Each structure stands twice: as structure tokens, then as C-alpha cells.
Amino acid sequence: MRSFVAAVGLFTIVPAPPVVEIDRRLAGRTMAAFPWVGLLLGLVGGVLLVAVDLMGAGAFLGAVLALAVVALLTGALHLDGLADTADGLGSRKPREEALRIMRRSDIGPMGVVSLLFVLLVEAGALQTLTEVSAVVAAAAFTVATTAGRAAVTAASVSPLSARATGFGALFTGVTSRATASLTVAAVIAVAAGLGGVAAMATGETFSGGGAGLFAVACCAALAVGTAWARHLRTRLDGMTGDVFGSIVEVTQVTFLVAAALGAALI
């Protein structure tokens, strides 16, 4: 419980007892709890999405509000990481200069474009899923926010940090391979479970394929997130807080696209 509360305090703006000091042991437990913070955030956004749909306000508005509430609750931490990472990579500069660009507080054109398209694609995917069922969209959103953070848990197995200090350096190498594997397996199981629950709520259109679709989409998203993490680790010689944020967003958008495309084909 302490690790979950620590994860809430570190990765959201939700009031939580302050963490006085983070040692390697607590950092590892916090990283293991990270996906379940994502599950909670996704449930909040999913409930909002369903509420908007029930009011008849439209699928797109519900999707945007679900994304907005998670951005608000996280202080846009991971979106900021995505933008900074895009600016650093988009500069095509050597490692040290790319890291300096990523550390600046401003946002460049690559960051703006990346944020624009990721959020638009996520909103579009959620709109497609809401047209199947708002419950399906809510379940998919919950899986997406969970899987995005599970990909970071897996990435924190690597001991390579691109910087000697900083928020990201606290969490590099703190997760064992066994913990990462168990966490990923648990998240895939949750994805299948939520897909099955969503299927039962939709009738014949989606029934029978929900669990399998969500499980496959989750595996695909985690694979893409892992490949993205490996690319950034190679490009920057290690991980940073911004890199972790970008992994969350890349994994999340991949799941939503895969789920939306799959649901459209069922």
C-alpha cells in the first residue's frame, strides 16, 4: 500500500502523504505499482466518457474529456515527456545536445506536432470505440492507461540512465526482470478481463471477441512500447524522465489504435 500511495504522490497531482526520501527499494516498489495508478486514472476517465455518452453529448466530446481529465490528474507529466523527447530526437543533434534540448522548458515544433497527432489519434480511436459501445471505449481507455505505465515498469529494468541525476535516474534499474514479467502478465490478464466484461455489455456485435481483442492489442502495444524504449536507450545511451513519459504515451496510443481497428473488424 505504501508503494501505491508513493506512486500516486509522485506521478499524479492527487494529494497523497509526501515521500520524504526515495531509496532504491521504495523506487522499485513504486515502479511496480505504477501500472495500477494508471488503472485508477483510466477508470476515472472511462466513467467520465460513459457519463458524457449517456447525456447524449457525443462520442468525440467524451473522448476528449477522458483524455483531458487524465492529463489534468497527472499534471500532463507524460505528455510533457513526449513533447520533450520529440524535440530532442527531431533536432537530429548528437546525444549531448539532444539531451540539452529535451531539458529546456520550452516546446519546439516537433513537440507540438507530436502532441497534436497523438491526442487526435487517441480521441479518434476512442470515438470509434464509443460507436461500438461507451462501455467498450471506457474499458479500452482503462487498459491503455494501465499498459502505458506497464511499459515503463518493463523499461525500468535497464540500469542505463542518460543523466547522472534527475527524476528519471531515480527509477533506472530498480525493477527486476521477474517483477517486470509478472507485472506485464498481470496487465495483459486485466486487459483480457476488461475486454470480456465490455463484450458482455455490448450484445452480439462485440461479444465473444472482446477478451481476445484487448489481450492482443495490449500485447502489441507493449511490444511497440518496448521497441520504442530500446530505440531511445540506444539513441540517448540511457533513460530519462522524459523518455519514460514518451513510453507511456506511445504505448497508450498504440493500444487504442489497435483496439479501435480490431473492434471495427469484428
C-alpha atoms as a PDB file:
ATOM      1  CA  MET A   1       0.000   0.000   0.000  1.00  0.00           C
ATOM      2  CA  ARG A   2       2.847   2.385   0.808  1.00  0.00           C
ATOM      3  CA  SER A   3       4.314   1.919  -2.664  1.00  0.00           C
ATOM      4  CA  PHE A   4       0.951   2.610  -4.323  1.00  0.00           C
ATOM      5  CA  VAL A   5       0.471   5.773  -2.257  1.00  0.00           C
ATOM      6  CA  ALA A   6       4.023   6.811  -3.141  1.00  0.00           C
ATOM      7  CA  ALA A   7       3.288   6.218  -6.828  1.00  0.00           C
ATOM      8  CA  VAL A   8       0.128   8.323  -6.602  1.00  0.00           C
ATOM      9  CA  GLY A   9       2.076  11.133  -4.948  1.00  0.00           C
ATOM     10  CA  LEU A  10       4.947  11.004  -7.422  1.00  0.00           C
ATOM     11  CA  PHE A  11       3.075  10.520 -10.691  1.00  0.00           C
ATOM     12  CA  THR A  12      -0.162  12.439 -10.168  1.00  0.00           C
ATOM     13  CA  ILE A  13      -1.294  15.695  -8.588  1.00  0.00           C
ATOM     14  CA  VAL A  14      -3.730  13.825  -6.334  1.00  0.00           C
ATOM     15  CA  PRO A  15      -2.996  14.751  -2.694  1.00  0.00           C
ATOM     16  CA  ALA A  16      -1.035  11.973  -1.002  1.00  0.00           C
ATOM     17  CA  PRO A  17       1.264  11.704   2.017  1.00  0.00           C
ATOM     18  CA  PRO A  18       4.638  13.157   0.981  1.00  0.00           C
ATOM     19  CA  VAL A  19       7.552  10.843   0.284  1.00  0.00           C
ATOM     20  CA  VAL A  20      10.423  12.150   2.389  1.00  0.00           C
ATOM     21  CA  GLU A  21      13.101  10.041   0.732  1.00  0.00           C
ATOM     22  CA  ILE A  22      13.089   7.552  -2.131  1.00  0.00           C
ATOM     23  CA  ASP A  23      15.636   4.781  -1.792  1.00  0.00           C
ATOM     24  CA  ARG A  24      16.211   2.107  -4.420  1.00  0.00           C
ATOM     25  CA  ARG A  25      13.918  -0.353  -2.692  1.00  0.00           C
ATOM     26  CA  LEU A  26      10.985   2.053  -2.496  1.00  0.00           C
ATOM     27  CA  ALA A  27      11.645   3.209  -6.068  1.00  0.00           C
ATOM     28  CA  GLY A  28      11.365  -0.391  -7.253  1.00  0.00           C
ATOM     29  CA  ARG A  29       8.116  -0.957  -5.404  1.00  0.00           C
ATOM     30  CA  THR A  30       6.755   2.349  -6.656  1.00  0.00           C
ATOM     31  CA  MET A  31       7.556   1.400 -10.228  1.00  0.00           C
ATOM     32  CA  ALA A  32       5.789  -1.944  -9.738  1.00  0.00           C
ATOM     33  CA  ALA A  33       2.723  -0.021  -8.524  1.00  0.00           C
ATOM     34  CA  PHE A  34       2.844   2.436 -11.425  1.00  0.00           C
ATOM     35  CA  PRO A  35       0.532   0.472 -13.797  1.00  0.00           C
ATOM     36  CA  TRP A  36      -2.151   0.253 -11.121  1.00  0.00           C
ATOM     37  CA  VAL A  37      -2.090   4.021 -10.735  1.00  0.00           C
ATOM     38  CA  GLY A  38      -2.750   4.046 -14.483  1.00  0.00           C
ATOM     39  CA  LEU A  39      -5.657   1.663 -13.954  1.00  0.00           C
ATOM     40  CA  LEU A  40      -7.199   4.062 -11.454  1.00  0.00           C
ATOM     41  CA  LEU A  41      -6.694   7.048 -13.766  1.00  0.00           C
ATOM     42  CA  GLY A  42      -8.213   5.146 -16.679  1.00  0.00           C
ATOM     43  CA  LEU A  43     -11.271   4.231 -14.624  1.00  0.00           C
ATOM     44  CA  VAL A  44     -11.833   7.900 -13.779  1.00  0.00           C
ATOM     45  CA  GLY A  45     -11.549   8.904 -17.430  1.00  0.00           C
ATOM     46  CA  GLY A  46     -13.683   5.963 -18.523  1.00  0.00           C
ATOM     47  CA  VAL A  47     -16.506   6.842 -16.122  1.00  0.00           C
ATOM     48  CA  LEU A  48     -16.471  10.398 -17.455  1.00  0.00           C
ATOM     49  CA  LEU A  49     -16.597   9.112 -21.043  1.00  0.00           C
ATOM     50  CA  VAL A  50     -19.617   6.914 -20.275  1.00  0.00           C
ATOM     51  CA  ALA A  51     -21.360   9.772 -18.440  1.00  0.00           C
ATOM     52  CA  VAL A  52     -20.944  12.101 -21.421  1.00  0.00           C
ATOM     53  CA  ASP A  53     -22.271   9.414 -23.759  1.00  0.00           C
ATOM     54  CA  LEU A  54     -25.314   8.834 -21.542  1.00  0.00           C
ATOM     55  CA  MET A  55     -26.059  12.556 -21.694  1.00  0.00           C
ATOM     56  CA  GLY A  56     -26.024  12.331 -25.487  1.00  0.00           C
ATOM     57  CA  ALA A  57     -23.263  14.930 -25.815  1.00  0.00           C
ATOM     58  CA  GLY A  58     -21.338  12.964 -28.436  1.00  0.00           C
ATOM     59  CA  ALA A  59     -18.564  10.398 -28.605  1.00  0.00           C
ATOM     60  CA  PHE A  60     -15.818  12.861 -29.527  1.00  0.00           C
ATOM     61  CA  LEU A  61     -16.522  15.152 -26.572  1.00  0.00           C
ATOM     62  CA  GLY A  62     -16.464  12.191 -24.212  1.00  0.00           C
ATOM     63  CA  ALA A  63     -13.130  11.052 -25.657  1.00  0.00           C
ATOM     64  CA  VAL A  64     -11.561  14.487 -25.333  1.00  0.00           C
ATOM     65  CA  LEU A  65     -12.786  14.928 -21.764  1.00  0.00           C
ATOM     66  CA  ALA A  66     -11.466  11.498 -20.764  1.00  0.00           C
ATOM     67  CA  LEU A  67      -8.035  12.425 -22.143  1.00  0.00           C
ATOM     68  CA  ALA A  68      -8.227  15.850 -20.517  1.00  0.00           C
ATOM     69  CA  VAL A  69      -9.038  14.570 -17.040  1.00  0.00           C
ATOM     70  CA  VAL A  70      -6.082  12.166 -17.076  1.00  0.00           C
ATOM     71  CA  ALA A  71      -3.807  14.947 -18.334  1.00  0.00           C
ATOM     72  CA  LEU A  72      -5.103  17.126 -15.511  1.00  0.00           C
ATOM     73  CA  LEU A  73      -4.670  14.471 -12.814  1.00  0.00           C
ATOM     74  CA  THR A  74      -1.106  13.738 -13.946  1.00  0.00           C
ATOM     75  CA  GLY A  75      -0.132  17.372 -14.407  1.00  0.00           C
ATOM     76  CA  ALA A  76       0.422  16.494 -18.092  1.00  0.00           C
ATOM     77  CA  LEU A  77       3.668  14.869 -16.928  1.00  0.00           C
ATOM     78  CA  HIS A  78       3.817  12.217 -19.634  1.00  0.00           C
ATOM     79  CA  LEU A  79       2.602  14.473 -22.423  1.00  0.00           C
ATOM     80  CA  ASP A  80       5.409  16.851 -21.493  1.00  0.00           C
ATOM     81  CA  GLY A  81       7.852  13.945 -21.713  1.00  0.00           C
ATOM     82  CA  LEU A  82       6.532  13.038 -25.158  1.00  0.00           C
ATOM     83  CA  ALA A  83       6.942  16.611 -26.414  1.00  0.00           C
ATOM     84  CA  ASP A  84      10.458  16.987 -24.994  1.00  0.00           C
ATOM     85  CA  THR A  85      11.543  13.634 -26.409  1.00  0.00           C
ATOM     86  CA  ALA A  86      10.153  14.530 -29.834  1.00  0.00           C
ATOM     87  CA  ASP A  87      12.038  17.843 -29.776  1.00  0.00           C
ATOM     88  CA  GLY A  88      15.279  16.112 -28.802  1.00  0.00           C
ATOM     89  CA  LEU A  89      15.020  13.405 -31.447  1.00  0.00           C
ATOM     90  CA  GLY A  90      13.655  15.787 -34.054  1.00  0.00           C
ATOM     91  CA  SER A  91      16.705  18.024 -33.691  1.00  0.00           C
ATOM     92  CA  ARG A  92      18.889  15.225 -35.141  1.00  0.00           C
ATOM     93  CA  LYS A  93      21.662  16.504 -32.919  1.00  0.00           C
ATOM     94  CA  PRO A  94      24.269  14.362 -31.152  1.00  0.00           C
ATOM     95  CA  ARG A  95      23.315  12.803 -27.840  1.00  0.00           C
ATOM     96  CA  GLU A  96      24.523  15.556 -25.516  1.00  0.00           C
ATOM     97  CA  GLU A  97      22.853  18.341 -27.470  1.00  0.00           C
ATOM     98  CA  ALA A  98      19.653  16.346 -27.860  1.00  0.00           C
ATOM     99  CA  LEU A  99      19.550  15.888 -24.083  1.00  0.00           C
ATOM    100  CA  ARG A 100      20.040  19.616 -23.571  1.00  0.00           C
ATOM    101  CA  ILE A 101      17.130  20.331 -25.920  1.00  0.00           C
ATOM    102  CA  MET A 102      14.958  17.854 -24.028  1.00  0.00           C
ATOM    103  CA  ARG A 103      15.769  19.583 -20.750  1.00  0.00           C
ATOM    104  CA  ARG A 104      14.651  23.039 -21.891  1.00  0.00           C
ATOM    105  CA  SER A 105      11.306  24.271 -20.591  1.00  0.00           C
ATOM    106  CA  ASP A 106      10.032  25.478 -23.961  1.00  0.00           C
ATOM    107  CA  ILE A 107       8.428  23.321 -26.654  1.00  0.00           C
ATOM    108  CA  GLY A 108       9.510  23.184 -30.267  1.00  0.00           C
ATOM    109  CA  PRO A 109       7.646  22.329 -33.475  1.00  0.00           C
ATOM    110  CA  MET A 110       8.319  18.596 -33.253  1.00  0.00           C
ATOM    111  CA  GLY A 111       6.914  18.537 -29.746  1.00  0.00           C
ATOM    112  CA  VAL A 112       3.795  20.434 -30.802  1.00  0.00           C
ATOM    113  CA  VAL A 113       3.179  18.182 -33.791  1.00  0.00           C
ATOM    114  CA  SER A 114       3.718  15.035 -31.715  1.00  0.00           C
ATOM    115  CA  LEU A 115       1.259  16.153 -29.041  1.00  0.00           C
ATOM    116  CA  LEU A 116      -1.295  17.210 -31.646  1.00  0.00           C
ATOM    117  CA  PHE A 117      -1.291  13.940 -33.546  1.00  0.00           C
ATOM    118  CA  VAL A 118      -1.095  11.649 -30.513  1.00  0.00           C
ATOM    119  CA  LEU A 119      -4.059  13.339 -28.833  1.00  0.00           C
ATOM    120  CA  LEU A 120      -6.055  13.485 -32.074  1.00  0.00           C
ATOM    121  CA  VAL A 121      -5.409   9.817 -32.807  1.00  0.00           C
ATOM    122  CA  GLU A 122      -6.335   8.832 -29.267  1.00  0.00           C
ATOM    123  CA  ALA A 123      -9.540  10.868 -29.403  1.00  0.00           C
ATOM    124  CA  GLY A 124     -10.395   9.410 -32.797  1.00  0.00           C
ATOM    125  CA  ALA A 125      -9.787   5.866 -31.597  1.00  0.00           C
ATOM    126  CA  LEU A 126     -11.945   6.425 -28.520  1.00  0.00           C
ATOM    127  CA  GLN A 127     -14.687   7.879 -30.711  1.00  0.00           C
ATOM    128  CA  THR A 128     -14.599   4.760 -32.886  1.00  0.00           C
ATOM    129  CA  LEU A 129     -14.796   2.539 -29.819  1.00  0.00           C
ATOM    130  CA  THR A 130     -17.640   4.607 -28.340  1.00  0.00           C
ATOM    131  CA  GLU A 131     -19.618   3.998 -31.532  1.00  0.00           C
ATOM    132  CA  VAL A 132     -19.390   0.302 -30.671  1.00  0.00           C
ATOM    133  CA  SER A 133     -20.244   0.994 -27.039  1.00  0.00           C
ATOM    134  CA  ALA A 134     -19.275   3.613 -24.469  1.00  0.00           C
ATOM    135  CA  VAL A 135     -18.503   0.752 -22.087  1.00  0.00           C
ATOM    136  CA  VAL A 136     -16.081  -0.711 -24.635  1.00  0.00           C
ATOM    137  CA  ALA A 137     -14.393   2.682 -25.021  1.00  0.00           C
ATOM    138  CA  ALA A 138     -14.157   3.140 -21.254  1.00  0.00           C
ATOM    139  CA  ALA A 139     -12.660  -0.331 -20.825  1.00  0.00           C
ATOM    140  CA  ALA A 140     -10.181   0.309 -23.647  1.00  0.00           C
ATOM    141  CA  PHE A 141      -9.149   3.625 -22.130  1.00  0.00           C
ATOM    142  CA  THR A 142      -8.541   1.941 -18.778  1.00  0.00           C
ATOM    143  CA  VAL A 143      -6.389  -0.737 -20.393  1.00  0.00           C
ATOM    144  CA  ALA A 144      -4.471   1.890 -22.375  1.00  0.00           C
ATOM    145  CA  THR A 145      -3.527   3.953 -19.326  1.00  0.00           C
ATOM    146  CA  THR A 146      -2.523   0.776 -17.490  1.00  0.00           C
ATOM    147  CA  ALA A 147      -0.478  -0.692 -20.340  1.00  0.00           C
ATOM    148  CA  GLY A 148       1.338   2.586 -20.953  1.00  0.00           C
ATOM    149  CA  ARG A 149       2.669   2.543 -17.413  1.00  0.00           C
ATOM    150  CA  ALA A 150       3.420  -1.188 -17.500  1.00  0.00           C
ATOM    151  CA  ALA A 151       5.726  -0.491 -20.441  1.00  0.00           C
ATOM    152  CA  VAL A 152       7.631   1.951 -18.224  1.00  0.00           C
ATOM    153  CA  THR A 153       7.863  -0.659 -15.465  1.00  0.00           C
ATOM    154  CA  ALA A 154       9.442  -3.008 -18.003  1.00  0.00           C
ATOM    155  CA  ALA A 155      11.771  -0.257 -19.258  1.00  0.00           C
ATOM    156  CA  SER A 156      12.980   0.442 -15.717  1.00  0.00           C
ATOM    157  CA  VAL A 157      14.738  -2.939 -15.711  1.00  0.00           C
ATOM    158  CA  SER A 158      17.587  -1.308 -17.645  1.00  0.00           C
ATOM    159  CA  PRO A 159      20.232   0.255 -15.361  1.00  0.00           C
ATOM    160  CA  LEU A 160      21.275   2.774 -18.036  1.00  0.00           C
ATOM    161  CA  SER A 161      20.473   6.395 -17.235  1.00  0.00           C
ATOM    162  CA  ALA A 162      21.208   9.137 -19.751  1.00  0.00           C
ATOM    163  CA  ARG A 163      21.833  11.535 -16.862  1.00  0.00           C
ATOM    164  CA  ALA A 164      23.561  11.046 -13.526  1.00  0.00           C
ATOM    165  CA  THR A 165      20.811  12.975 -11.736  1.00  0.00           C
ATOM    166  CA  GLY A 166      17.180  13.819 -12.327  1.00  0.00           C
ATOM    167  CA  PHE A 167      13.769  12.256 -11.828  1.00  0.00           C
ATOM    168  CA  GLY A 168      14.340   9.538 -14.413  1.00  0.00           C
ATOM    169  CA  ALA A 169      17.639   8.480 -12.841  1.00  0.00           C
ATOM    170  CA  LEU A 170      15.774   7.524  -9.653  1.00  0.00           C
ATOM    171  CA  PHE A 171      13.961   4.716 -11.457  1.00  0.00           C
ATOM    172  CA  THR A 172      16.535   3.202 -13.816  1.00  0.00           C
ATOM    173  CA  GLY A 173      17.494  -0.330 -12.908  1.00  0.00           C
ATOM    174  CA  VAL A 174      15.091  -0.558  -9.949  1.00  0.00           C
ATOM    175  CA  THR A 175      12.867  -3.306 -11.389  1.00  0.00           C
ATOM    176  CA  SER A 176      13.889  -6.949 -11.611  1.00  0.00           C
ATOM    177  CA  ARG A 177      13.119  -8.943 -14.723  1.00  0.00           C
ATOM    178  CA  ALA A 178      10.857 -11.209 -12.683  1.00  0.00           C
ATOM    179  CA  THR A 179       8.826  -8.271 -11.373  1.00  0.00           C
ATOM    180  CA  ALA A 180       8.584  -6.755 -14.840  1.00  0.00           C
ATOM    181  CA  SER A 181       7.430 -10.061 -16.332  1.00  0.00           C
ATOM    182  CA  LEU A 182       4.819 -10.629 -13.630  1.00  0.00           C
ATOM    183  CA  THR A 183       3.544  -7.060 -13.974  1.00  0.00           C
ATOM    184  CA  VAL A 184       3.239  -7.311 -17.739  1.00  0.00           C
ATOM    185  CA  ALA A 185       1.466 -10.671 -17.470  1.00  0.00           C
ATOM    186  CA  ALA A 186      -0.952  -9.233 -14.904  1.00  0.00           C
ATOM    187  CA  VAL A 187      -1.721  -6.241 -17.112  1.00  0.00           C
ATOM    188  CA  ILE A 188      -2.427  -8.479 -20.113  1.00  0.00           C
ATOM    189  CA  ALA A 189      -4.755 -10.543 -17.918  1.00  0.00           C
ATOM    190  CA  VAL A 190      -6.537  -7.379 -16.786  1.00  0.00           C
ATOM    191  CA  ALA A 191      -6.849  -6.323 -20.431  1.00  0.00           C
ATOM    192  CA  ALA A 192      -8.481  -9.631 -21.316  1.00  0.00           C
ATOM    193  CA  GLY A 193     -10.780  -9.386 -18.300  1.00  0.00           C
ATOM    194  CA  LEU A 194     -11.916  -5.851 -19.085  1.00  0.00           C
ATOM    195  CA  GLY A 195     -12.393  -6.817 -22.728  1.00  0.00           C
ATOM    196  CA  GLY A 196     -14.590  -9.703 -21.655  1.00  0.00           C
ATOM    197  CA  VAL A 197     -16.654  -7.501 -19.348  1.00  0.00           C
ATOM    198  CA  ALA A 198     -17.070  -4.919 -22.104  1.00  0.00           C
ATOM    199  CA  ALA A 199     -18.140  -7.676 -24.510  1.00  0.00           C
ATOM    200  CA  MET A 200     -20.909  -8.813 -22.207  1.00  0.00           C
ATOM    201  CA  ALA A 201     -22.259  -5.260 -22.086  1.00  0.00           C
ATOM    202  CA  THR A 202     -22.474  -4.817 -25.850  1.00  0.00           C
ATOM    203  CA  GLY A 203     -24.567  -7.714 -27.074  1.00  0.00           C
ATOM    204  CA  GLU A 204     -23.792  -9.706 -30.188  1.00  0.00           C
ATOM    205  CA  THR A 205     -21.772  -7.099 -32.101  1.00  0.00           C
ATOM    206  CA  PHE A 206     -18.731  -7.313 -29.868  1.00  0.00           C
ATOM    207  CA  SER A 207     -19.426 -10.406 -27.791  1.00  0.00           C
ATOM    208  CA  GLY A 208     -17.007 -13.291 -27.962  1.00  0.00           C
ATOM    209  CA  GLY A 209     -14.088 -11.251 -29.233  1.00  0.00           C
ATOM    210  CA  GLY A 210     -13.608  -8.627 -26.563  1.00  0.00           C
ATOM    211  CA  ALA A 211     -11.240 -10.516 -24.289  1.00  0.00           C
ATOM    212  CA  GLY A 212      -9.075 -11.749 -27.147  1.00  0.00           C
ATOM    213  CA  LEU A 213      -9.027  -8.384 -28.911  1.00  0.00           C
ATOM    214  CA  PHE A 214      -7.967  -6.454 -25.822  1.00  0.00           C
ATOM    215  CA  ALA A 215      -5.323  -9.047 -24.915  1.00  0.00           C
ATOM    216  CA  VAL A 216      -3.826  -8.999 -28.412  1.00  0.00           C
ATOM    217  CA  ALA A 217      -3.962  -5.202 -28.603  1.00  0.00           C
ATOM    218  CA  CYS A 218      -2.281  -4.986 -25.196  1.00  0.00           C
ATOM    219  CA  CYS A 219       0.500  -7.340 -26.286  1.00  0.00           C
ATOM    220  CA  ALA A 220       1.006  -5.307 -29.465  1.00  0.00           C
ATOM    221  CA  ALA A 221       1.098  -2.034 -27.530  1.00  0.00           C
ATOM    222  CA  LEU A 222       3.597  -3.376 -25.004  1.00  0.00           C
ATOM    223  CA  ALA A 223       5.773  -4.683 -27.834  1.00  0.00           C
ATOM    224  CA  VAL A 224       5.761  -1.257 -29.503  1.00  0.00           C
ATOM    225  CA  GLY A 225       6.469   0.443 -26.171  1.00  0.00           C
ATOM    226  CA  THR A 226       9.384  -1.917 -25.551  1.00  0.00           C
ATOM    227  CA  ALA A 227      10.800  -1.288 -29.028  1.00  0.00           C
ATOM    228  CA  TRP A 228      10.454   2.473 -28.517  1.00  0.00           C
ATOM    229  CA  ALA A 229      12.237   2.229 -25.153  1.00  0.00           C
ATOM    230  CA  ARG A 230      15.045   0.214 -26.716  1.00  0.00           C
ATOM    231  CA  HIS A 231      15.440   2.756 -29.525  1.00  0.00           C
ATOM    232  CA  LEU A 232      15.629   5.679 -27.110  1.00  0.00           C
ATOM    233  CA  ARG A 233      18.010   3.841 -24.806  1.00  0.00           C
ATOM    234  CA  THR A 234      20.328   3.275 -27.758  1.00  0.00           C
ATOM    235  CA  ARG A 235      19.957   6.813 -29.139  1.00  0.00           C
ATOM    236  CA  LEU A 236      20.495   8.563 -25.793  1.00  0.00           C
ATOM    237  CA  ASP A 237      22.675   5.969 -24.035  1.00  0.00           C
ATOM    238  CA  GLY A 238      20.081   5.535 -21.331  1.00  0.00           C
ATOM    239  CA  MET A 239      16.733   6.584 -19.961  1.00  0.00           C
ATOM    240  CA  THR A 240      15.414   9.925 -18.689  1.00  0.00           C
ATOM    241  CA  GLY A 241      12.147  11.056 -17.128  1.00  0.00           C
ATOM    242  CA  ASP A 242      11.083  12.470 -20.494  1.00  0.00           C
ATOM    243  CA  VAL A 243      11.823   9.135 -22.145  1.00  0.00           C
ATOM    244  CA  PHE A 244       9.639   7.347 -19.609  1.00  0.00           C
ATOM    245  CA  GLY A 245       6.834   9.813 -20.324  1.00  0.00           C
ATOM    246  CA  SER A 246       7.088   9.224 -24.054  1.00  0.00           C
ATOM    247  CA  ILE A 247       6.927   5.447 -23.497  1.00  0.00           C
ATOM    248  CA  VAL A 248       3.636   5.878 -21.638  1.00  0.00           C
ATOM    249  CA  GLU A 249       2.105   7.883 -24.483  1.00  0.00           C
ATOM    250  CA  VAL A 250       3.419   5.739 -27.345  1.00  0.00           C
ATOM    251  CA  THR A 251       2.177   2.546 -25.705  1.00  0.00           C
ATOM    252  CA  GLN A 252      -1.167   4.108 -24.849  1.00  0.00           C
ATOM    253  CA  VAL A 253      -1.900   5.396 -28.345  1.00  0.00           C
ATOM    254  CA  THR A 254      -0.815   2.080 -29.878  1.00  0.00           C
ATOM    255  CA  PHE A 255      -3.282   0.144 -27.749  1.00  0.00           C
ATOM    256  CA  LEU A 256      -6.170   2.462 -28.555  1.00  0.00           C
ATOM    257  CA  VAL A 257      -5.493   2.309 -32.298  1.00  0.00           C
ATOM    258  CA  ALA A 258      -5.146  -1.488 -32.241  1.00  0.00           C
ATOM    259  CA  ALA A 259      -8.338  -1.858 -30.197  1.00  0.00           C
ATOM    260  CA  ALA A 260     -10.290   0.529 -32.418  1.00  0.00           C
ATOM    261  CA  LEU A 261      -9.174  -1.171 -35.641  1.00  0.00           C
ATOM    262  CA  GLY A 262      -9.896  -4.588 -34.179  1.00  0.00           C
ATOM    263  CA  ALA A 263     -13.343  -3.568 -32.935  1.00  0.00           C
ATOM    264  CA  ALA A 264     -14.188  -2.156 -36.364  1.00  0.00           C
ATOM    265  CA  LEU A 265     -13.370  -5.519 -37.956  1.00  0.00           C
ATOM    266  CA  ILE A 266     -15.337  -7.714 -35.542  1.00  0.00           C
END
